[in-house]
């Protein structure tokens, strides 16, 4: 599995950005006198949200098609691991850099470069003739997503005024909810249909028409914006942050498969040292020329620092749940990919509805209490799920799972959209790209930590059981893992007290 104040459209226009004669770009300063809202902003929003949805789906769509890929290409288990993990690694490692590049060279420009590269990489994945080609194409796809995705939140942040942003982040939360479960369902349908005899390949080729449409419409409707003062790319910072993230995420992703080797533990501990060097260097860089890769001053904004901590921990909870849930249904219960995918529909619908309500109706009135109610709802849903799984055992049905999933989905919807808004609410517009890259990066780090914990909280139960009891072991491991997710969500509930008590309705 794998989210996102007075002057409207206060976007600084790059003099070298592509433009359309039919839709001249509105030049407006990042700060100063408010400008009239650009009427094209809703069309621009549709474009960037479609791109965000495409990325969310691509994170998970491959998992369902793994057996078909393995048969067709003769891929080894190691290659399969790289096909699934390569995207996440390249994506996480490049997010902060991608966000900063948007600040420097223009968010529209980087978005268009990212979506073009993502579409080309998707075509290469779809036409891959060998496991090696597919692995390389997935790495490229993840790197291009890292150029594209940070610009989504940045473009929203600089394009919409505060009074509209509740509605916007409600829509964004709905997209996150749909993307969370649409990947497995869409992958199951496309693989099962075997369109034109292509077997698994349509899961990648479906991105081509979407990507081309996004590129053409993005050129026309997205208004260019970038940081108001000239910045330079911090290459040393790029190397340090990429190295630190790879040293942390790669051993977590491959650790269990490789038997948790000593070098993996050394890398993970060493990543903390590299991060310390990065912080020291970025402080020096900020004093020297004001162009650090990571704006450490953002962490002095209480809403940003607290929100990032919650995002990281929330990523851990989701990383554990979605992987264990998929394994439980397909291996423990023996369900088909399509059956498992359809079971997640109530969850997806609940996330979408609750996300829209949370930012438009509830958060303006109740503030952070809405997010805390979401955490409590997810805990209640998990407890109901644990009870149902224990009561019905291997005979549990999708209908019996629906009530817990509805409660969990509603809880998640109350968190995902307003949390993104809360994190960005106090961020200066000139640092929107850097902030967006950090938000996405910590979420990916949280998911990677969650995936690493799966080896302890789930496979620690499964691996101790004999082979003939594997289905029961997966069911027991699922319930055990859910207790861990409950504990993580309890921590998140407590951390949310550091968020602003009321949502901001205007900048300043």
Protein backbone atom coordinates (compact mmCIF):
# COMPACT_ATOMS: atom_id res chain seq x y z
CA UNK A 1 0.00 0.00 0.00
CA UNK A 2 1.22 4.31 0.57
CA UNK A 3 -0.97 11.89 1.50
CA UNK A 4 -1.02 16.27 1.80
CA UNK A 5 -3.81 31.41 3.16
CA UNK A 6 -4.92 35.35 2.24
CA UNK A 7 -3.99 35.93 -1.19
CA UNK A 8 -5.63 33.65 -3.68
CA UNK A 9 -3.35 32.31 -6.38
CA UNK A 10 -0.38 34.26 -5.14
CA UNK A 11 1.96 32.43 -7.47
CA UNK A 12 5.24 33.83 -8.69
CA UNK A 13 5.48 33.12 -12.39
CA UNK A 14 8.75 31.88 -13.80
CA UNK A 15 9.85 33.83 -16.85
CA UNK A 16 10.98 30.66 -18.59
CA UNK A 17 7.98 28.48 -17.74
CA UNK A 18 5.91 27.00 -20.59
CA UNK A 19 2.67 28.83 -21.23
CA UNK A 20 -0.37 28.55 -23.44
CA UNK A 21 -1.52 31.38 -25.70
CA UNK A 22 -5.14 30.43 -24.99
CA UNK A 23 -4.59 30.58 -21.26
CA UNK A 24 -2.00 33.21 -20.31
CA UNK A 25 -0.55 32.71 -16.88
CA UNK A 26 -1.47 35.19 -14.17
CA UNK A 27 1.64 36.79 -12.77
CA UNK A 28 1.24 37.45 -9.08
CA UNK A 29 3.79 37.90 -6.34
CA UNK A 30 4.21 35.31 -3.59
CA UNK A 31 3.44 38.00 -1.04
CA UNK A 32 1.85 41.40 -1.12
CA UNK A 33 -1.48 42.62 -2.48
CA UNK A 34 -4.01 39.80 -2.90
CA UNK A 35 -4.74 38.93 -6.53
CA UNK A 36 -8.07 37.81 -8.01
CA UNK A 37 -8.50 34.05 -7.81
CA UNK A 38 -7.55 32.27 -11.03
CA UNK A 39 -10.64 30.62 -12.50
CA UNK A 40 -8.52 27.75 -13.84
CA UNK A 41 -7.50 26.64 -10.38
CA UNK A 42 -10.16 23.92 -10.14
CA UNK A 43 -9.09 22.41 -13.46
CA UNK A 44 -5.48 22.57 -12.26
CA UNK A 45 -6.59 20.82 -9.07
CA UNK A 46 -8.20 18.01 -11.07
CA UNK A 47 -4.95 17.50 -12.97
CA UNK A 48 -2.65 17.33 -9.93
CA UNK A 49 -5.07 15.12 -7.98
CA UNK A 50 -5.26 12.69 -10.88
CA UNK A 51 -1.47 12.49 -10.83
CA UNK A 52 -1.50 11.93 -7.06
CA UNK A 53 -4.07 9.16 -7.47
CA UNK A 54 -1.96 7.56 -10.21
CA UNK A 55 1.02 7.45 -7.85
CA UNK A 56 -1.02 6.06 -4.93
CA UNK A 57 -2.39 3.27 -7.12
CA UNK A 58 1.01 2.41 -8.55
CA UNK A 59 2.46 1.84 -5.08
CA UNK A 60 0.14 -1.13 -4.51
CA UNK A 61 -1.13 -2.29 -7.89
CA UNK A 62 1.94 -4.45 -8.53
CA UNK A 63 1.44 -6.67 -5.48
CA UNK A 64 -1.67 -8.33 -6.91
CA UNK A 65 0.03 -9.10 -10.23
CA UNK A 66 3.21 -10.65 -8.77
CA UNK A 67 2.26 -14.29 -9.52
CA UNK A 68 1.51 -13.40 -13.16
CA UNK A 69 4.79 -11.44 -13.51
CA UNK A 70 6.72 -14.31 -11.95
CA UNK A 71 5.28 -16.84 -14.44
CA UNK A 72 5.59 -14.62 -17.51
CA UNK A 73 9.12 -13.27 -17.01
CA UNK A 74 10.56 -16.14 -14.97
CA UNK A 75 11.51 -13.65 -12.26
CA UNK A 76 13.37 -14.90 -9.21
CA UNK A 77 12.17 -14.09 -5.69
CA UNK A 78 14.94 -11.50 -5.36
CA UNK A 79 13.83 -9.80 -8.58
CA UNK A 80 10.23 -9.76 -7.38
CA UNK A 81 11.37 -8.04 -4.17
CA UNK A 82 13.13 -5.37 -6.23
CA UNK A 83 10.09 -4.89 -8.48
CA UNK A 84 7.97 -4.07 -5.45
CA UNK A 85 10.56 -2.32 -3.26
CA UNK A 86 12.49 -0.46 -5.98
CA UNK A 87 9.67 1.98 -6.61
CA UNK A 88 9.29 2.82 -2.92
CA UNK A 89 13.04 3.24 -2.44
CA UNK A 90 13.50 5.58 -5.40
CA UNK A 91 10.35 7.49 -4.46
CA UNK A 92 11.30 8.04 -0.82
CA UNK A 93 14.92 8.92 -1.59
CA UNK A 94 13.97 11.64 -4.09
CA UNK A 95 11.00 13.35 -2.46
CA UNK A 96 12.82 16.11 -0.56
CA UNK A 97 15.00 16.89 -3.58
CA UNK A 98 11.95 16.92 -5.85
CA UNK A 99 10.17 19.39 -3.58
CA UNK A 100 13.17 21.72 -3.46
CA UNK A 101 13.64 21.57 -7.23
CA UNK A 102 10.06 22.78 -7.57
CA UNK A 103 10.80 25.75 -5.30
CA UNK A 104 13.86 26.66 -7.39
CA UNK A 105 12.88 25.96 -10.99
CA UNK A 106 9.09 26.17 -10.80
CA UNK A 107 6.50 23.76 -9.43
CA UNK A 108 4.58 23.53 -12.70
CA UNK A 109 7.78 22.80 -14.60
CA UNK A 110 8.83 20.01 -12.22
CA UNK A 111 5.31 18.57 -12.19
CA UNK A 112 5.30 18.36 -15.99
CA UNK A 113 8.79 16.82 -16.04
CA UNK A 114 7.71 14.31 -13.40
CA UNK A 115 4.47 13.27 -15.09
CA UNK A 116 6.26 12.94 -18.45
CA UNK A 117 8.97 10.74 -16.96
CA UNK A 118 6.40 8.74 -14.99
CA UNK A 119 4.43 8.04 -18.17
CA UNK A 120 7.55 6.97 -20.09
CA UNK A 121 8.65 4.74 -17.22
CA UNK A 122 5.16 3.18 -17.10
CA UNK A 123 5.45 2.35 -20.80
CA UNK A 124 8.87 0.76 -20.20
CA UNK A 125 7.38 -1.29 -17.34
CA UNK A 126 4.48 -2.41 -19.52
CA UNK A 127 6.76 -3.53 -22.35
CA UNK A 128 9.52 -4.99 -20.15
CA UNK A 129 11.05 -8.08 -21.74
CA UNK A 130 13.00 -9.25 -18.69
CA UNK A 131 12.95 -8.98 -14.90
CA UNK A 132 16.00 -6.71 -15.05
CA UNK A 133 14.26 -4.29 -17.41
CA UNK A 134 11.18 -4.23 -15.19
CA UNK A 135 13.28 -3.54 -12.08
CA UNK A 136 15.10 -0.67 -13.80
CA UNK A 137 11.85 0.78 -15.12
CA UNK A 138 10.28 0.65 -11.66
CA UNK A 139 13.27 2.52 -10.20
CA UNK A 140 12.84 5.19 -12.89
CA UNK A 141 9.10 5.31 -12.21
CA UNK A 142 9.70 5.92 -8.50
CA UNK A 143 12.28 8.63 -9.21
CA UNK A 144 9.88 10.44 -11.54
CA UNK A 145 7.07 10.17 -8.98
CA UNK A 146 9.43 11.90 -6.53
CA UNK A 147 9.63 14.83 -8.97
CA UNK A 148 5.85 14.92 -9.50
CA UNK A 149 4.21 14.23 -6.13
CA UNK A 150 5.72 17.03 -3.94
CA UNK A 151 4.47 19.58 -6.45
CA UNK A 152 0.86 18.47 -5.85
CA UNK A 153 0.67 19.86 -2.31
CA UNK A 154 2.86 22.84 -3.27
CA UNK A 155 0.56 23.82 -6.15
CA UNK A 156 -2.51 23.48 -3.91
CA UNK A 157 -0.82 25.51 -1.17
CA UNK A 158 0.08 28.48 -3.40
CA UNK A 159 -3.02 28.36 -5.64
CA UNK A 160 -5.96 28.26 -3.23
CA UNK A 161 -6.88 30.84 -0.58
CA UNK A 162 -7.50 29.67 2.97
CA UNK A 163 -11.29 29.80 2.80
CA UNK A 164 -11.29 27.32 -0.08
CA UNK A 165 -8.59 25.04 1.22
CA UNK A 166 -10.92 23.06 3.48
CA UNK A 167 -12.90 21.91 0.46
CA UNK A 168 -9.70 21.21 -1.46
CA UNK A 169 -8.13 19.05 1.24
CA UNK A 170 -11.44 17.26 1.67
CA UNK A 171 -11.20 16.25 -1.98
CA UNK A 172 -7.54 15.37 -1.49
CA UNK A 173 -8.39 13.14 1.46
CA UNK A 174 -11.04 11.39 -0.62
CA UNK A 175 -8.43 10.71 -3.31
CA UNK A 176 -6.07 9.27 -0.67
CA UNK A 177 -8.81 6.97 0.57
CA UNK A 178 -9.70 5.77 -2.90
CA UNK A 179 -6.06 5.26 -3.81
CA UNK A 180 -5.42 3.23 -0.66
CA UNK A 181 -7.58 0.33 -1.83
CA UNK A 182 -8.05 0.99 -5.55
CA UNK A 183 -4.58 -0.30 -6.41
CA UNK A 184 -5.19 -3.93 -5.39
CA UNK A 185 -8.74 -3.90 -6.83
CA UNK A 186 -7.69 -2.35 -10.14
CA UNK A 187 -4.68 -4.67 -10.36
CA UNK A 188 -6.91 -7.70 -9.74
CA UNK A 189 -9.39 -6.65 -12.43
CA UNK A 190 -6.78 -5.82 -15.08
CA UNK A 191 -4.84 -9.02 -14.45
CA UNK A 192 -7.95 -11.22 -14.36
CA UNK A 193 -9.36 -9.70 -17.56
CA UNK A 194 -6.07 -10.42 -19.43
CA UNK A 195 -6.77 -7.64 -21.92
CA UNK A 196 -5.49 -8.46 -25.43
CA UNK A 197 -3.58 -11.37 -23.92
CA UNK A 198 -1.24 -8.95 -22.15
CA UNK A 199 -1.75 -10.56 -18.72
CA UNK A 200 -0.14 -8.22 -16.10
CA UNK A 201 1.10 -5.51 -18.48
CA UNK A 202 -2.08 -3.35 -18.51
CA UNK A 203 -1.48 -2.45 -14.83
CA UNK A 204 1.32 -0.21 -16.14
CA UNK A 205 0.00 0.65 -19.60
CA UNK A 206 -3.18 2.16 -18.13
CA UNK A 207 -0.99 5.07 -16.97
CA UNK A 208 -0.19 6.10 -20.55
CA UNK A 209 -3.47 7.83 -21.54
CA UNK A 210 -3.81 9.29 -18.04
CA UNK A 211 -0.25 10.63 -18.11
CA UNK A 212 -0.58 12.15 -21.59
CA UNK A 213 -3.86 13.86 -20.62
CA UNK A 214 -2.27 15.14 -17.40
CA UNK A 215 0.69 16.57 -19.33
CA UNK A 216 -1.46 18.40 -21.89
CA UNK A 217 -3.98 19.73 -19.38
CA UNK A 218 -1.25 20.62 -16.88
CA UNK A 219 0.55 22.78 -19.45
CA UNK A 220 -2.67 24.67 -20.08
CA UNK A 221 -4.24 25.09 -16.65
CA UNK A 222 -1.54 24.98 -13.94
CA UNK A 223 -0.13 28.39 -13.03
CA UNK A 224 3.64 28.49 -12.51
CA UNK A 225 5.01 29.36 -9.08
CA UNK A 226 8.38 29.19 -7.35
CA UNK A 227 10.22 30.66 -4.38
CA UNK A 228 10.32 34.48 -4.57
CA UNK A 229 14.07 34.71 -4.00
CA UNK A 230 16.70 32.96 -6.07
CA UNK A 231 17.74 29.59 -4.64
CA UNK A 232 20.42 27.10 -5.67
CA UNK A 233 20.25 23.34 -5.48
CA UNK A 234 22.14 22.01 -2.46
CA UNK A 235 23.98 19.06 -4.05
CA UNK A 236 25.78 18.04 -0.85
CA UNK A 237 22.41 18.03 0.93
CA UNK A 238 20.95 15.87 -1.86
CA UNK A 239 23.72 13.29 -1.42
CA UNK A 240 23.40 13.27 2.38
CA UNK A 241 19.61 13.00 2.54
CA UNK A 242 19.46 10.37 -0.21
CA UNK A 243 22.19 8.34 1.46
CA UNK A 244 20.56 8.55 4.90
CA UNK A 245 17.16 7.48 3.59
CA UNK A 246 18.56 4.57 1.59
CA UNK A 247 20.63 3.40 4.58
CA UNK A 248 17.43 3.35 6.68
CA UNK A 249 14.79 2.14 4.20
CA UNK A 250 16.71 -0.47 2.18
CA UNK A 251 17.56 -2.74 5.17
CA UNK A 252 13.99 -2.38 6.46
CA UNK A 253 12.56 -3.33 3.09
CA UNK A 254 14.83 -6.32 2.45
CA UNK A 255 15.75 -7.26 6.04
CA UNK A 256 13.48 -10.25 6.61
CA UNK A 257 14.16 -11.76 3.18
CA UNK A 258 17.93 -11.56 3.80
CA UNK A 259 17.71 -12.85 7.37
CA UNK A 260 18.36 -9.49 9.06
CA UNK A 261 22.12 -9.43 8.35
CA UNK A 262 24.55 -7.48 10.54
CA UNK A 263 25.31 -4.98 7.79
CA UNK A 264 21.61 -4.04 7.70
CA UNK A 265 21.64 -3.11 11.38
CA UNK A 266 24.87 -1.17 10.89
CA UNK A 267 23.30 0.74 7.98
CA UNK A 268 20.20 1.65 9.98
CA UNK A 269 22.25 2.90 12.94
CA UNK A 270 24.65 4.66 10.57
CA UNK A 271 21.74 6.49 8.93
CA UNK A 272 21.22 8.38 12.19
CA UNK A 273 24.81 9.59 12.03
CA UNK A 274 24.38 10.72 8.42
CA UNK A 275 21.16 12.55 9.40
CA UNK A 276 23.09 14.33 12.18
CA UNK A 277 25.74 15.41 9.65
CA UNK A 278 22.94 16.56 7.33
CA UNK A 279 21.36 18.75 10.03
CA UNK A 280 24.72 20.35 10.88
CA UNK A 281 25.50 20.96 7.21
CA UNK A 282 22.05 22.41 6.45
CA UNK A 283 22.37 24.86 9.34
CA UNK A 284 25.73 26.02 7.97
CA UNK A 285 24.31 26.19 4.44
CA UNK A 286 21.36 28.33 5.58
CA UNK A 287 23.75 30.81 7.27
CA UNK A 288 26.09 30.87 4.28
CA UNK A 289 23.78 31.49 1.30
CA UNK A 290 20.18 30.84 2.39
CA UNK A 291 19.72 27.90 -0.03
CA UNK A 292 19.62 24.71 2.06
CA UNK A 293 17.90 21.61 0.71
CA UNK A 294 15.85 21.29 3.91
CA UNK A 295 14.50 24.42 5.57
CA UNK A 296 15.20 23.55 9.20
CA UNK A 297 13.39 26.75 10.19
CA UNK A 298 10.16 24.94 9.28
CA UNK A 299 10.54 22.84 12.43
CA UNK A 300 10.25 26.01 14.50
CA UNK A 301 6.65 26.21 13.27
CA UNK A 302 4.84 24.21 15.95
CA UNK A 303 2.05 22.99 13.67
CA UNK A 304 4.58 21.73 11.12
CA UNK A 305 6.86 19.97 13.61
CA UNK A 306 3.95 18.31 15.44
CA UNK A 307 2.19 17.41 12.20
CA UNK A 308 5.30 15.79 10.72
CA UNK A 309 5.73 13.68 13.88
CA UNK A 310 2.11 12.54 13.62
CA UNK A 311 2.55 11.82 9.87
CA UNK A 312 5.59 9.64 10.60
CA UNK A 313 3.80 7.63 13.29
CA UNK A 314 0.60 7.37 11.24
CA UNK A 315 2.69 5.97 8.37
CA UNK A 316 3.94 3.24 10.73
CA UNK A 317 0.35 2.23 11.59
CA UNK A 318 -0.74 2.14 7.95
CA UNK A 319 2.42 0.31 6.86
CA UNK A 320 1.69 -2.50 9.31
CA UNK A 321 -2.05 -2.73 8.69
CA UNK A 322 -2.28 -2.75 4.90
CA UNK A 323 0.43 -5.37 4.32
CA UNK A 324 -0.80 -7.68 7.08
CA UNK A 325 -4.41 -7.25 5.94
CA UNK A 326 -3.53 -8.27 2.37
CA UNK A 327 -1.56 -11.34 3.52
CA UNK A 328 -4.36 -12.34 5.91
CA UNK A 329 -7.05 -12.29 3.23
CA UNK A 330 -5.12 -13.85 0.36
CA UNK A 331 -2.99 -16.43 2.19
CA UNK A 332 -4.70 -16.91 5.54
CA UNK A 333 -8.26 -16.99 4.21
CA UNK A 334 -7.34 -18.16 0.71
CA UNK A 335 -9.33 -15.43 -1.04
CA UNK A 336 -8.71 -14.43 -4.65
CA UNK A 337 -7.16 -11.01 -5.36
CA UNK A 338 -10.52 -9.76 -6.66
CA UNK A 339 -12.37 -10.98 -3.55
CA UNK A 340 -9.81 -9.29 -1.31
CA UNK A 341 -9.95 -6.08 -3.36
CA UNK A 342 -13.75 -5.87 -3.24
CA UNK A 343 -13.68 -6.42 0.53
CA UNK A 344 -11.85 -3.09 0.89
CA UNK A 345 -14.59 -1.07 -0.86
CA UNK A 346 -16.47 -0.14 2.39
CA UNK A 347 -13.19 1.11 3.86
CA UNK A 348 -12.48 3.24 0.80
CA UNK A 349 -15.98 4.74 0.70
CA UNK A 350 -15.87 5.58 4.41
CA UNK A 351 -12.49 7.32 4.05
CA UNK A 352 -13.76 9.40 1.14
CA UNK A 353 -16.98 10.54 2.83
CA UNK A 354 -15.35 11.26 6.21
CA UNK A 355 -12.47 13.17 4.62
CA UNK A 356 -14.86 15.53 2.87
CA UNK A 357 -16.92 16.12 6.01
CA UNK A 358 -13.91 16.57 8.27
CA UNK A 359 -12.30 19.56 6.60
CA UNK A 360 -15.44 21.26 5.34
CA UNK A 361 -17.78 20.88 8.31
CA UNK A 362 -16.09 19.46 11.39
CA UNK A 363 -12.53 20.83 11.66
CA UNK A 364 -13.56 24.52 11.33
CA UNK A 365 -15.84 24.00 14.36
CA UNK A 366 -14.02 21.45 16.52
CA UNK A 367 -10.36 21.78 15.47
CA UNK A 368 -7.90 19.05 16.39
CA UNK A 369 -10.59 17.17 18.34
CA UNK A 370 -11.74 15.87 14.94
CA UNK A 371 -8.35 14.30 14.28
CA UNK A 372 -8.30 12.77 17.76
CA UNK A 373 -11.82 11.44 17.20
CA UNK A 374 -10.47 9.86 14.01
CA UNK A 375 -7.69 8.10 15.93
CA UNK A 376 -10.22 6.81 18.48
CA UNK A 377 -12.55 5.62 15.70
CA UNK A 378 -9.70 3.71 14.06
CA UNK A 379 -8.90 2.09 17.42
CA UNK A 380 -12.55 1.08 17.88
CA UNK A 381 -12.66 -0.31 14.33
CA UNK A 382 -9.52 -2.33 14.95
CA UNK A 383 -10.92 -3.75 18.19
CA UNK A 384 -14.11 -4.74 16.35
CA UNK A 385 -12.00 -6.37 13.64
CA UNK A 386 -9.96 -8.31 16.21
CA UNK A 387 -13.21 -9.49 17.81
CA UNK A 388 -14.74 -10.56 14.48
CA UNK A 389 -11.56 -12.36 13.36
CA UNK A 390 -11.42 -14.22 16.67
CA UNK A 391 -15.11 -15.13 16.66
CA UNK A 392 -15.48 -16.34 13.05
CA UNK A 393 -11.95 -17.62 12.48
CA UNK A 394 -11.16 -18.82 8.95
CA UNK A 395 -14.89 -18.79 8.09
CA UNK A 396 -15.18 -15.00 8.34
CA UNK A 397 -16.89 -13.33 5.39
CA UNK A 398 -16.52 -9.97 3.70
CA UNK A 399 -19.87 -8.90 5.15
CA UNK A 400 -18.65 -9.62 8.67
CA UNK A 401 -15.58 -7.48 8.00
CA UNK A 402 -17.62 -4.56 6.64
CA UNK A 403 -18.66 -2.92 9.98
CA UNK A 404 -15.08 -2.74 11.38
CA UNK A 405 -13.80 -1.49 8.03
CA UNK A 406 -16.47 1.23 7.87
CA UNK A 407 -15.52 2.48 11.34
CA UNK A 408 -11.80 2.32 10.54
CA UNK A 409 -12.29 4.08 7.22
CA UNK A 410 -14.31 6.85 8.81
CA UNK A 411 -11.56 7.33 11.39
CA UNK A 412 -8.87 7.48 8.74
CA UNK A 413 -10.89 10.00 6.74
CA UNK A 414 -11.13 12.26 9.79
CA UNK A 415 -7.32 12.27 9.96
CA UNK A 416 -5.76 12.26 6.49
CA UNK A 417 -7.19 15.44 4.94
CA UNK A 418 -7.16 17.85 7.93
CA UNK A 419 -3.73 16.58 9.04
CA UNK A 420 -2.15 17.69 5.76
CA UNK A 421 -3.83 21.09 6.05
CA UNK A 422 -2.68 21.43 9.68
CA UNK A 423 0.92 20.63 8.78
CA UNK A 424 1.03 23.18 5.94
CA UNK A 425 -1.09 25.90 7.58
CA UNK A 426 1.84 27.79 9.10
CA UNK A 427 4.37 27.17 6.32
CA UNK A 428 5.62 30.22 4.39
CA UNK A 429 4.57 30.01 0.74
CA UNK A 430 8.16 30.22 -0.53
CA UNK A 431 8.97 26.95 1.26
CA UNK A 432 5.88 25.03 0.13
CA UNK A 433 7.90 22.64 -2.04
CA UNK A 434 10.42 21.83 0.67
CA UNK A 435 7.61 21.30 3.20
CA UNK A 436 5.64 19.08 0.83
CA UNK A 437 8.70 16.97 0.12
CA UNK A 438 9.31 16.55 3.86
CA UNK A 439 5.68 15.57 4.50
CA UNK A 440 5.74 12.89 1.81
CA UNK A 441 9.18 11.68 2.88
CA UNK A 442 8.31 11.18 6.55
CA UNK A 443 5.15 9.36 5.53
CA UNK A 444 7.22 7.01 3.35
CA UNK A 445 9.72 6.57 6.19
CA UNK A 446 6.85 5.72 8.53
CA UNK A 447 5.49 3.17 6.07
CA UNK A 448 8.95 1.62 5.72
CA UNK A 449 9.28 1.40 9.50
CA UNK A 450 5.84 -0.22 9.62
CA UNK A 451 6.84 -2.75 6.96
CA UNK A 452 9.96 -3.54 8.96
CA UNK A 453 7.88 -4.06 12.10
CA UNK A 454 5.69 -6.54 10.21
CA UNK A 455 8.59 -8.97 10.43
CA UNK A 456 8.35 -8.76 14.22
CA UNK A 457 4.64 -8.33 14.94
CA UNK A 458 3.29 -10.64 12.21
CA UNK A 459 5.92 -13.04 10.90
CA UNK A 460 7.20 -13.50 14.44
CA UNK A 461 3.93 -15.41 15.04
CA UNK A 462 3.68 -17.05 11.60
CA UNK A 463 7.25 -18.37 11.40
CA UNK A 464 6.89 -20.28 14.68
CA UNK A 465 4.03 -22.43 13.33
CA UNK A 466 4.32 -25.69 11.34
CA UNK A 467 3.67 -25.57 7.58
CA UNK A 468 0.40 -27.54 7.79
CA UNK A 469 -1.07 -24.88 10.11
CA UNK A 470 -0.10 -21.93 7.92
CA UNK A 471 -3.62 -20.58 7.35
CA UNK A 472 -4.38 -20.54 11.07
CA UNK A 473 -0.97 -18.97 11.70
CA UNK A 474 -1.76 -16.11 9.32
CA UNK A 475 -5.12 -15.53 11.04
CA UNK A 476 -3.46 -15.48 14.48
CA UNK A 477 -0.63 -13.27 13.22
CA UNK A 478 -3.20 -10.83 11.82
CA UNK A 479 -4.93 -10.42 15.18
CA UNK A 480 -1.57 -10.05 16.96
CA UNK A 481 -0.43 -7.36 14.52
CA UNK A 482 -3.67 -5.41 14.94
CA UNK A 483 -2.98 -5.03 18.67
CA UNK A 484 0.30 -3.34 17.71
CA UNK A 485 -1.56 -0.98 15.37
CA UNK A 486 -3.95 -0.14 18.23
CA UNK A 487 -0.94 0.76 20.41
CA UNK A 488 0.56 2.98 17.69
CA UNK A 489 -2.75 4.81 17.21
CA UNK A 490 -2.96 5.41 20.97
CA UNK A 491 0.45 7.12 20.72
CA UNK A 492 -0.81 9.17 17.76
CA UNK A 493 -3.86 10.29 19.78
CA UNK A 494 -1.54 11.63 22.48
CA UNK A 495 0.81 13.32 19.99
CA UNK A 496 -2.13 15.18 18.43
CA UNK A 497 -2.36 17.39 21.53
CA UNK A 498 0.66 19.24 20.08
CA UNK A 499 -1.32 20.23 16.97
CA UNK A 500 -3.11 23.62 16.83
CA UNK A 501 -6.35 23.41 18.79
CA UNK A 502 -8.27 25.20 16.05
CA UNK A 503 -7.80 25.16 12.29
CA UNK A 504 -6.66 28.41 10.72
CA UNK A 505 -9.13 30.06 8.41
CA UNK A 506 -6.83 32.68 7.03
CA UNK A 507 -3.17 33.35 6.66
CA UNK A 508 -1.07 35.32 8.94
